[in-house]
Amino acid sequence: MKKYILDLTLRQISEPRLGFVILQLTDPEKVLPAMVPGQFVEVRVDGSSTTFLRRPISINRVVRETNELWLLVHAVGDGTRALAALQPGAVVNVVLPLGNGFTLPEAAKERVLLVGGGVGTAPLLYLGEEMAACGCRPTFLLGARSAGDLMQLDLFRQLGDVYITTEDGSDGERGFVTQHSLWQQASFTRICTCGPKPMMVAVARLAREKGIACEASLENLMACGLGACLCCVEDTTDGHVCVCKEGPVFNIEKLKWS
């Protein structure tokens, strides 16, 4: 897909939970380019003396009715904290769309499970919306440390059935996503997952055991987004590849995960 460098305007910023913000960006002059679920953007951080590289952020939503791009940002460093401090009306320079995306269902009858943990739930919302637009109702399995860590549940529940695990048992079932009783209650034709690597490795292992096709969106450190800096290299059956260019979404059969 063609890549663009755009100056977008921050229409609105909200805080779904402490330490996280949602940036709702728009182009006031033209329609946003096509983007697919699983792709990401590289955001330039202005006004931070310690931030020299763009920050890779998953596409959370593309709202065509309002011409908005949503980015869910975890404010954990100088760069992301600077983004979280922006005010409506600020101009944000982005490179997009980058990487590849998840495979969309070919038939509405497909039973697809979307498994996310932490900020890894961000790209699954856009994926669920695009699936729903195709007539496919996805099932979501979302994991967090506690109930207060869960985000955007109202939007997920508009798209499909939502199941939850929390490590402390404060919402849903206690434990990890791979321990949820849903795995014994239902069968799926495909799984898409994004989140911490240990979670995705466990989901991939369970998918292999059950013979279910699975795609994972990797979160390797991506500095350039174009395959030039070699920060995000992953060992695959096709050799060492740049996640930002050949991914971030991979079929798990391509990944050399133990």
C-alpha atoms as a PDB file:
ATOM      1  CA  MET A   1       0.000   0.000   0.000  1.00  0.00           C
ATOM      2  CA  LYS A   2       1.115   3.548  -0.705  1.00  0.00           C
ATOM      3  CA  LYS A   3       2.585   5.343   2.312  1.00  0.00           C
ATOM      4  CA  TYR A   4       1.860   8.928   3.280  1.00  0.00           C
ATOM      5  CA  ILE A   5       3.440  11.581   5.497  1.00  0.00           C
ATOM      6  CA  LEU A   6       0.556  13.632   6.847  1.00  0.00           C
ATOM      7  CA  ASP A   7      -0.017  16.499   9.249  1.00  0.00           C
ATOM      8  CA  LEU A   8      -3.137  15.499  11.139  1.00  0.00           C
ATOM      9  CA  THR A   9      -5.108  17.625  13.571  1.00  0.00           C
ATOM     10  CA  LEU A  10      -5.945  16.374  17.051  1.00  0.00           C
ATOM     11  CA  ARG A  11      -9.707  16.686  17.238  1.00  0.00           C
ATOM     12  CA  GLN A  12     -10.146  15.139  20.668  1.00  0.00           C
ATOM     13  CA  ILE A  13      -8.097  13.416  23.375  1.00  0.00           C
ATOM     14  CA  SER A  14      -9.509  11.190  26.117  1.00  0.00           C
ATOM     15  CA  GLU A  15      -8.139   9.060  28.953  1.00  0.00           C
ATOM     16  CA  PRO A  16      -9.690   5.547  29.014  1.00  0.00           C
ATOM     17  CA  ARG A  17      -7.643   4.764  32.129  1.00  0.00           C
ATOM     18  CA  LEU A  18      -4.748   6.269  34.038  1.00  0.00           C
ATOM     19  CA  GLY A  19      -1.585   6.347  31.925  1.00  0.00           C
ATOM     20  CA  PHE A  20      -3.357   5.858  28.584  1.00  0.00           C
ATOM     21  CA  VAL A  21      -4.868   8.308  26.104  1.00  0.00           C
ATOM     22  CA  ILE A  22      -6.822   8.012  22.883  1.00  0.00           C
ATOM     23  CA  LEU A  23      -5.812  10.494  20.196  1.00  0.00           C
ATOM     24  CA  GLN A  24      -8.592  11.178  17.678  1.00  0.00           C
ATOM     25  CA  LEU A  25      -6.816  12.606  14.635  1.00  0.00           C
ATOM     26  CA  THR A  26      -8.304  13.987  11.442  1.00  0.00           C
ATOM     27  CA  ASP A  27      -7.219  15.502   8.154  1.00  0.00           C
ATOM     28  CA  PRO A  28      -9.166  18.749   7.782  1.00  0.00           C
ATOM     29  CA  GLU A  29      -8.510  18.932   4.044  1.00  0.00           C
ATOM     30  CA  LYS A  30      -8.935  15.437   2.589  1.00  0.00           C
ATOM     31  CA  VAL A  31     -10.133  11.922   3.269  1.00  0.00           C
ATOM     32  CA  LEU A  32      -7.740   9.702   5.191  1.00  0.00           C
ATOM     33  CA  PRO A  33      -6.018   7.018   3.080  1.00  0.00           C
ATOM     34  CA  ALA A  34      -7.015   3.365   3.222  1.00  0.00           C
ATOM     35  CA  MET A  35      -5.732   1.421   6.230  1.00  0.00           C
ATOM     36  CA  VAL A  36      -6.286  -2.190   7.233  1.00  0.00           C
ATOM     37  CA  PRO A  37      -6.542  -3.700  10.736  1.00  0.00           C
ATOM     38  CA  GLY A  38      -3.155  -4.671  12.119  1.00  0.00           C
ATOM     39  CA  GLN A  39      -1.213  -1.903  10.415  1.00  0.00           C
ATOM     40  CA  PHE A  40       0.473   0.834  12.420  1.00  0.00           C
ATOM     41  CA  VAL A  41       1.689   4.422  12.128  1.00  0.00           C
ATOM     42  CA  GLU A  42       4.925   6.180  13.041  1.00  0.00           C
ATOM     43  CA  VAL A  43       4.281   9.387  14.980  1.00  0.00           C
ATOM     44  CA  ARG A  44       6.757  12.247  15.169  1.00  0.00           C
ATOM     45  CA  VAL A  45       7.132  13.647  18.668  1.00  0.00           C
ATOM     46  CA  ASP A  46       7.604  17.424  18.714  1.00  0.00           C
ATOM     47  CA  GLY A  47       8.702  19.391  21.736  1.00  0.00           C
ATOM     48  CA  SER A  48      10.605  16.577  23.516  1.00  0.00           C
ATOM     49  CA  SER A  49      14.354  17.152  23.851  1.00  0.00           C
ATOM     50  CA  THR A  50      14.984  13.459  24.581  1.00  0.00           C
ATOM     51  CA  THR A  51      12.894  11.944  21.770  1.00  0.00           C
ATOM     52  CA  PHE A  52      14.594  11.728  18.390  1.00  0.00           C
ATOM     53  CA  LEU A  53      12.782   8.841  16.680  1.00  0.00           C
ATOM     54  CA  ARG A  54       9.164   8.462  15.706  1.00  0.00           C
ATOM     55  CA  ARG A  55       6.960   6.269  17.883  1.00  0.00           C
ATOM     56  CA  PRO A  56       5.189   3.217  16.356  1.00  0.00           C
ATOM     57  CA  ILE A  57       1.544   3.010  17.402  1.00  0.00           C
ATOM     58  CA  SER A  58      -1.126   0.509  16.346  1.00  0.00           C
ATOM     59  CA  ILE A  59      -4.197   1.722  14.522  1.00  0.00           C
ATOM     60  CA  ASN A  60      -7.011   1.539  17.069  1.00  0.00           C
ATOM     61  CA  ARG A  61      -9.872   2.701  14.834  1.00  0.00           C
ATOM     62  CA  VAL A  62     -10.547   4.339  11.491  1.00  0.00           C
ATOM     63  CA  VAL A  63     -13.891   6.136  11.687  1.00  0.00           C
ATOM     64  CA  ARG A  64     -14.871   6.976   8.137  1.00  0.00           C
ATOM     65  CA  GLU A  65     -18.010   8.901   9.120  1.00  0.00           C
ATOM     66  CA  THR A  66     -15.924  11.535  10.922  1.00  0.00           C
ATOM     67  CA  ASN A  67     -12.690  10.995   8.936  1.00  0.00           C
ATOM     68  CA  GLU A  68     -10.808  10.095  12.137  1.00  0.00           C
ATOM     69  CA  LEU A  69      -7.815   7.938  12.973  1.00  0.00           C
ATOM     70  CA  TRP A  70      -7.738   6.732  16.591  1.00  0.00           C
ATOM     71  CA  LEU A  71      -4.463   5.900  18.330  1.00  0.00           C
ATOM     72  CA  LEU A  72      -4.361   4.329  21.804  1.00  0.00           C
ATOM     73  CA  VAL A  73      -1.172   5.571  23.443  1.00  0.00           C
ATOM     74  CA  HIS A  74       0.437   4.154  26.592  1.00  0.00           C
ATOM     75  CA  ALA A  75       2.343   7.035  28.210  1.00  0.00           C
ATOM     76  CA  VAL A  76       5.423   5.188  29.453  1.00  0.00           C
ATOM     77  CA  GLY A  77       8.370   7.294  28.220  1.00  0.00           C
ATOM     78  CA  ASP A  78       9.252  10.856  27.322  1.00  0.00           C
ATOM     79  CA  GLY A  79       7.929  10.487  23.777  1.00  0.00           C
ATOM     80  CA  THR A  80       4.575   8.949  24.603  1.00  0.00           C
ATOM     81  CA  ARG A  81       4.109  11.267  27.591  1.00  0.00           C
ATOM     82  CA  ALA A  82       4.608  14.208  25.230  1.00  0.00           C
ATOM     83  CA  LEU A  83       1.901  12.798  22.968  1.00  0.00           C
ATOM     84  CA  ALA A  84      -0.401  12.291  25.943  1.00  0.00           C
ATOM     85  CA  ALA A  85       0.038  15.961  26.902  1.00  0.00           C
ATOM     86  CA  LEU A  86      -1.174  17.280  23.531  1.00  0.00           C
ATOM     87  CA  GLN A  87      -4.237  19.502  23.429  1.00  0.00           C
ATOM     88  CA  PRO A  88      -7.057  19.530  20.848  1.00  0.00           C
ATOM     89  CA  GLY A  89      -6.017  21.496  17.797  1.00  0.00           C
ATOM     90  CA  ALA A  90      -2.415  20.292  17.921  1.00  0.00           C
ATOM     91  CA  VAL A  91      -0.858  19.138  14.646  1.00  0.00           C
ATOM     92  CA  VAL A  92       0.592  15.606  14.693  1.00  0.00           C
ATOM     93  CA  ASN A  93       2.871  14.407  11.891  1.00  0.00           C
ATOM     94  CA  VAL A  94       2.445  10.727  11.028  1.00  0.00           C
ATOM     95  CA  VAL A  95       3.718   8.208   8.486  1.00  0.00           C
ATOM     96  CA  LEU A  96       1.032   5.707   7.480  1.00  0.00           C
ATOM     97  CA  PRO A  97      -0.071   3.047   6.817  1.00  0.00           C
ATOM     98  CA  LEU A  98       2.860   0.787   7.697  1.00  0.00           C
ATOM     99  CA  GLY A  99       3.249  -2.997   7.793  1.00  0.00           C
ATOM    100  CA  ASN A 100       0.695  -5.621   6.895  1.00  0.00           C
ATOM    101  CA  GLY A 101      -2.630  -6.508   8.476  1.00  0.00           C
ATOM    102  CA  PHE A 102      -4.761  -9.363   9.728  1.00  0.00           C
ATOM    103  CA  THR A 103      -6.576 -11.636   7.291  1.00  0.00           C
ATOM    104  CA  LEU A 104     -10.241 -10.704   7.116  1.00  0.00           C
ATOM    105  CA  PRO A 105     -12.800 -13.539   7.036  1.00  0.00           C
ATOM    106  CA  GLU A 106     -13.896 -14.790   3.635  1.00  0.00           C
ATOM    107  CA  ALA A 107     -17.330 -15.797   4.893  1.00  0.00           C
ATOM    108  CA  ALA A 108     -19.696 -14.423   7.503  1.00  0.00           C
ATOM    109  CA  LYS A 109     -20.058 -17.891   9.027  1.00  0.00           C
ATOM    110  CA  GLU A 110     -16.395 -18.013  10.091  1.00  0.00           C
ATOM    111  CA  ARG A 111     -15.978 -18.296  13.867  1.00  0.00           C
ATOM    112  CA  VAL A 112     -13.086 -15.993  14.685  1.00  0.00           C
ATOM    113  CA  LEU A 113     -11.637 -15.453  18.156  1.00  0.00           C
ATOM    114  CA  LEU A 114      -9.731 -12.232  18.837  1.00  0.00           C
ATOM    115  CA  VAL A 115      -7.433 -12.537  21.866  1.00  0.00           C
ATOM    116  CA  GLY A 116      -5.829  -9.436  23.345  1.00  0.00           C
ATOM    117  CA  GLY A 117      -3.946  -8.383  26.432  1.00  0.00           C
ATOM    118  CA  GLY A 118      -2.985  -4.954  27.760  1.00  0.00           C
ATOM    119  CA  VAL A 119      -2.517  -2.299  25.074  1.00  0.00           C
ATOM    120  CA  GLY A 120      -2.489  -5.192  22.584  1.00  0.00           C
ATOM    121  CA  THR A 121      -6.274  -4.955  22.527  1.00  0.00           C
ATOM    122  CA  ALA A 122      -5.954  -1.721  20.500  1.00  0.00           C
ATOM    123  CA  PRO A 123      -5.704  -3.168  16.947  1.00  0.00           C
ATOM    124  CA  LEU A 124      -8.355  -5.796  17.715  1.00  0.00           C
ATOM    125  CA  LEU A 125     -11.054  -3.125  17.949  1.00  0.00           C
ATOM    126  CA  TYR A 126     -10.495  -1.968  14.369  1.00  0.00           C
ATOM    127  CA  LEU A 127     -10.238  -5.606  13.274  1.00  0.00           C
ATOM    128  CA  GLY A 128     -13.556  -6.382  14.961  1.00  0.00           C
ATOM    129  CA  GLU A 129     -15.214  -3.403  13.288  1.00  0.00           C
ATOM    130  CA  GLU A 130     -14.003  -4.437   9.837  1.00  0.00           C
ATOM    131  CA  MET A 131     -15.134  -8.014  10.454  1.00  0.00           C
ATOM    132  CA  ALA A 132     -18.557  -6.811  11.549  1.00  0.00           C
ATOM    133  CA  ALA A 133     -18.772  -4.754   8.353  1.00  0.00           C
ATOM    134  CA  CYS A 134     -18.207  -8.010   6.437  1.00  0.00           C
ATOM    135  CA  GLY A 135     -21.118  -9.626   8.286  1.00  0.00           C
ATOM    136  CA  CYS A 136     -18.913 -11.694  10.600  1.00  0.00           C
ATOM    137  CA  ARG A 137     -19.562 -11.472  14.356  1.00  0.00           C
ATOM    138  CA  PRO A 138     -16.248 -11.934  16.195  1.00  0.00           C
ATOM    139  CA  THR A 139     -15.704 -13.219  19.710  1.00  0.00           C
ATOM    140  CA  PHE A 140     -13.321 -11.280  21.943  1.00  0.00           C
ATOM    141  CA  LEU A 141     -11.233 -12.725  24.758  1.00  0.00           C
ATOM    142  CA  LEU A 142      -9.515  -9.884  26.616  1.00  0.00           C
ATOM    143  CA  GLY A 143      -7.026 -10.236  29.453  1.00  0.00           C
ATOM    144  CA  ALA A 144      -5.740  -7.778  32.046  1.00  0.00           C
ATOM    145  CA  ARG A 145      -4.208  -7.668  35.501  1.00  0.00           C
ATOM    146  CA  SER A 146      -7.386  -6.237  37.032  1.00  0.00           C
ATOM    147  CA  ALA A 147     -10.761  -4.764  36.052  1.00  0.00           C
ATOM    148  CA  GLY A 148      -9.319  -1.241  36.099  1.00  0.00           C
ATOM    149  CA  ASP A 149      -6.906  -2.157  33.311  1.00  0.00           C
ATOM    150  CA  LEU A 150      -9.631  -3.005  30.778  1.00  0.00           C
ATOM    151  CA  MET A 151     -10.377  -0.414  28.105  1.00  0.00           C
ATOM    152  CA  GLN A 152     -13.006   0.292  25.428  1.00  0.00           C
ATOM    153  CA  LEU A 153     -15.248  -2.549  26.551  1.00  0.00           C
ATOM    154  CA  ASP A 154     -18.374  -0.678  25.444  1.00  0.00           C
ATOM    155  CA  LEU A 155     -17.070  -0.546  21.870  1.00  0.00           C
ATOM    156  CA  PHE A 156     -16.012  -4.196  21.854  1.00  0.00           C
ATOM    157  CA  ARG A 157     -19.445  -5.267  23.111  1.00  0.00           C
ATOM    158  CA  GLN A 158     -21.138  -3.488  20.205  1.00  0.00           C
ATOM    159  CA  LEU A 159     -19.316  -5.827  17.812  1.00  0.00           C
ATOM    160  CA  GLY A 160     -19.469  -9.290  19.364  1.00  0.00           C
ATOM    161  CA  ASP A 161     -19.425 -11.407  22.494  1.00  0.00           C
ATOM    162  CA  VAL A 162     -16.781 -10.320  25.002  1.00  0.00           C
ATOM    163  CA  TYR A 163     -15.108 -12.656  27.503  1.00  0.00           C
ATOM    164  CA  ILE A 164     -12.676 -11.427  30.119  1.00  0.00           C
ATOM    165  CA  THR A 165      -9.914 -12.756  32.322  1.00  0.00           C
ATOM    166  CA  THR A 166      -8.175 -10.801  35.076  1.00  0.00           C
ATOM    167  CA  GLU A 167      -5.227 -12.035  37.082  1.00  0.00           C
ATOM    168  CA  ASP A 168      -6.837 -10.920  40.342  1.00  0.00           C
ATOM    169  CA  GLY A 169     -10.344 -12.117  39.461  1.00  0.00           C
ATOM    170  CA  SER A 170     -11.855  -8.625  39.727  1.00  0.00           C
ATOM    171  CA  ASP A 171     -13.673  -9.072  36.391  1.00  0.00           C
ATOM    172  CA  GLY A 172     -14.485 -12.123  34.302  1.00  0.00           C
ATOM    173  CA  GLU A 173     -12.653 -15.327  35.132  1.00  0.00           C
ATOM    174  CA  ARG A 174      -9.527 -15.368  37.268  1.00  0.00           C
ATOM    175  CA  GLY A 175      -6.308 -16.255  35.452  1.00  0.00           C
ATOM    176  CA  PHE A 176      -4.831 -15.839  31.990  1.00  0.00           C
ATOM    177  CA  VAL A 177      -6.602 -15.786  28.608  1.00  0.00           C
ATOM    178  CA  THR A 178      -5.453 -19.322  27.807  1.00  0.00           C
ATOM    179  CA  GLN A 179      -7.150 -20.572  30.995  1.00  0.00           C
ATOM    180  CA  HIS A 180     -10.621 -19.213  30.195  1.00  0.00           C
ATOM    181  CA  SER A 181     -13.418 -21.776  30.033  1.00  0.00           C
ATOM    182  CA  LEU A 182     -14.363 -20.419  26.596  1.00  0.00           C
ATOM    183  CA  TRP A 183     -11.735 -22.749  25.108  1.00  0.00           C
ATOM    184  CA  GLN A 184     -13.799 -25.734  26.266  1.00  0.00           C
ATOM    185  CA  GLN A 185     -17.192 -24.202  25.471  1.00  0.00           C
ATOM    186  CA  ALA A 186     -16.731 -23.138  21.846  1.00  0.00           C
ATOM    187  CA  SER A 187     -14.791 -23.978  18.708  1.00  0.00           C
ATOM    188  CA  PHE A 188     -13.237 -21.484  16.317  1.00  0.00           C
ATOM    189  CA  THR A 189     -11.953 -21.561  12.749  1.00  0.00           C
ATOM    190  CA  ARG A 190      -9.352 -18.846  13.277  1.00  0.00           C
ATOM    191  CA  ILE A 191      -7.610 -16.879  16.021  1.00  0.00           C
ATOM    192  CA  CYS A 192      -6.049 -13.412  15.887  1.00  0.00           C
ATOM    193  CA  THR A 193      -3.971 -12.246  18.840  1.00  0.00           C
ATOM    194  CA  CYS A 194      -2.011  -9.211  20.002  1.00  0.00           C
ATOM    195  CA  GLY A 195      -0.437  -8.420  23.349  1.00  0.00           C
ATOM    196  CA  PRO A 196       2.564  -9.301  25.497  1.00  0.00           C
ATOM    197  CA  LYS A 197       4.797 -11.906  23.843  1.00  0.00           C
ATOM    198  CA  PRO A 198       4.387 -14.559  26.597  1.00  0.00           C
ATOM    199  CA  MET A 199       0.609 -14.321  26.150  1.00  0.00           C
ATOM    200  CA  MET A 200       0.831 -14.644  22.357  1.00  0.00           C
ATOM    201  CA  VAL A 201       3.247 -17.587  22.619  1.00  0.00           C
ATOM    202  CA  ALA A 202       0.763 -19.349  24.926  1.00  0.00           C
ATOM    203  CA  VAL A 203      -2.154 -18.571  22.587  1.00  0.00           C
ATOM    204  CA  ALA A 204      -0.139 -19.844  19.604  1.00  0.00           C
ATOM    205  CA  ARG A 205       0.683 -23.061  21.432  1.00  0.00           C
ATOM    206  CA  LEU A 206      -2.983 -23.622  22.275  1.00  0.00           C
ATOM    207  CA  ALA A 207      -4.007 -22.872  18.676  1.00  0.00           C
ATOM    208  CA  ARG A 208      -1.530 -25.459  17.379  1.00  0.00           C
ATOM    209  CA  GLU A 209      -2.792 -28.043  19.844  1.00  0.00           C
ATOM    210  CA  LYS A 210      -6.359 -27.474  18.663  1.00  0.00           C
ATOM    211  CA  GLY A 211      -5.455 -27.242  14.969  1.00  0.00           C
ATOM    212  CA  ILE A 212      -6.774 -23.678  14.616  1.00  0.00           C
ATOM    213  CA  ALA A 213      -5.205 -21.211  12.179  1.00  0.00           C
ATOM    214  CA  CYS A 214      -3.714 -18.294  14.075  1.00  0.00           C
ATOM    215  CA  GLU A 215      -2.189 -14.900  13.320  1.00  0.00           C
ATOM    216  CA  ALA A 216      -0.186 -12.858  15.824  1.00  0.00           C
ATOM    217  CA  SER A 217       0.670  -9.161  15.731  1.00  0.00           C
ATOM    218  CA  LEU A 218       4.203  -8.732  17.074  1.00  0.00           C
ATOM    219  CA  GLU A 219       5.262  -5.755  19.165  1.00  0.00           C
ATOM    220  CA  ASN A 220       9.029  -5.774  18.535  1.00  0.00           C
ATOM    221  CA  LEU A 221      10.845  -2.462  18.936  1.00  0.00           C
ATOM    222  CA  MET A 222      10.294  -0.618  15.652  1.00  0.00           C
ATOM    223  CA  ALA A 223      12.309   2.568  15.201  1.00  0.00           C
ATOM    224  CA  CYS A 224      11.942   3.422  11.510  1.00  0.00           C
ATOM    225  CA  GLY A 225       8.885   1.474  10.336  1.00  0.00           C
ATOM    226  CA  LEU A 226      10.459   0.904   6.912  1.00  0.00           C
ATOM    227  CA  GLY A 227      12.890  -1.991   7.435  1.00  0.00           C
ATOM    228  CA  ALA A 228      16.005   0.185   7.384  1.00  0.00           C
ATOM    229  CA  CYS A 229      17.252   0.273  10.975  1.00  0.00           C
ATOM    230  CA  LEU A 230      17.035  -3.495  11.722  1.00  0.00           C
ATOM    231  CA  CYS A 231      15.781  -2.903  15.285  1.00  0.00           C
ATOM    232  CA  CYS A 232      12.793  -5.232  14.956  1.00  0.00           C
ATOM    233  CA  VAL A 233      14.291  -8.355  13.350  1.00  0.00           C
ATOM    234  CA  GLU A 234      12.482 -11.646  14.076  1.00  0.00           C
ATOM    235  CA  ASP A 235      13.645 -15.157  13.251  1.00  0.00           C
ATOM    236  CA  THR A 236      11.092 -16.899  11.026  1.00  0.00           C
ATOM    237  CA  THR A 237      10.896 -19.882   8.700  1.00  0.00           C
ATOM    238  CA  ASP A 238      11.738 -17.414   5.908  1.00  0.00           C
ATOM    239  CA  GLY A 239      14.871 -16.275   7.752  1.00  0.00           C
ATOM    240  CA  HIS A 240      15.451 -13.109   9.736  1.00  0.00           C
ATOM    241  CA  VAL A 241      12.905 -10.474   8.698  1.00  0.00           C
ATOM    242  CA  CYS A 242      11.980  -6.966   9.810  1.00  0.00           C
ATOM    243  CA  VAL A 243       8.707  -7.025  11.706  1.00  0.00           C
ATOM    244  CA  CYS A 244       7.868  -3.471  10.652  1.00  0.00           C
ATOM    245  CA  LYS A 245       8.030  -4.400   6.968  1.00  0.00           C
ATOM    246  CA  GLU A 246       7.146  -8.115   6.747  1.00  0.00           C
ATOM    247  CA  GLY A 247       4.773  -7.900   9.719  1.00  0.00           C
ATOM    248  CA  PRO A 248       3.712  -6.913  12.245  1.00  0.00           C
ATOM    249  CA  VAL A 249       1.101  -9.627  11.622  1.00  0.00           C
ATOM    250  CA  PHE A 250       2.432 -13.151  11.052  1.00  0.00           C
ATOM    251  CA  ASN A 251       0.903 -16.566  10.660  1.00  0.00           C
ATOM    252  CA  ILE A 252       2.208 -18.412  13.720  1.00  0.00           C
ATOM    253  CA  GLU A 253       3.513 -21.194  11.479  1.00  0.00           C
ATOM    254  CA  LYS A 254       6.100 -18.695  10.229  1.00  0.00           C
ATOM    255  CA  LEU A 255       7.349 -17.898  13.735  1.00  0.00           C
ATOM    256  CA  LYS A 256      10.113 -19.888  15.422  1.00  0.00           C
ATOM    257  CA  TRP A 257       8.515 -19.712  18.842  1.00  0.00           C
ATOM    258  CA  SER A 258       9.292 -22.593  21.186  1.00  0.00           C
END
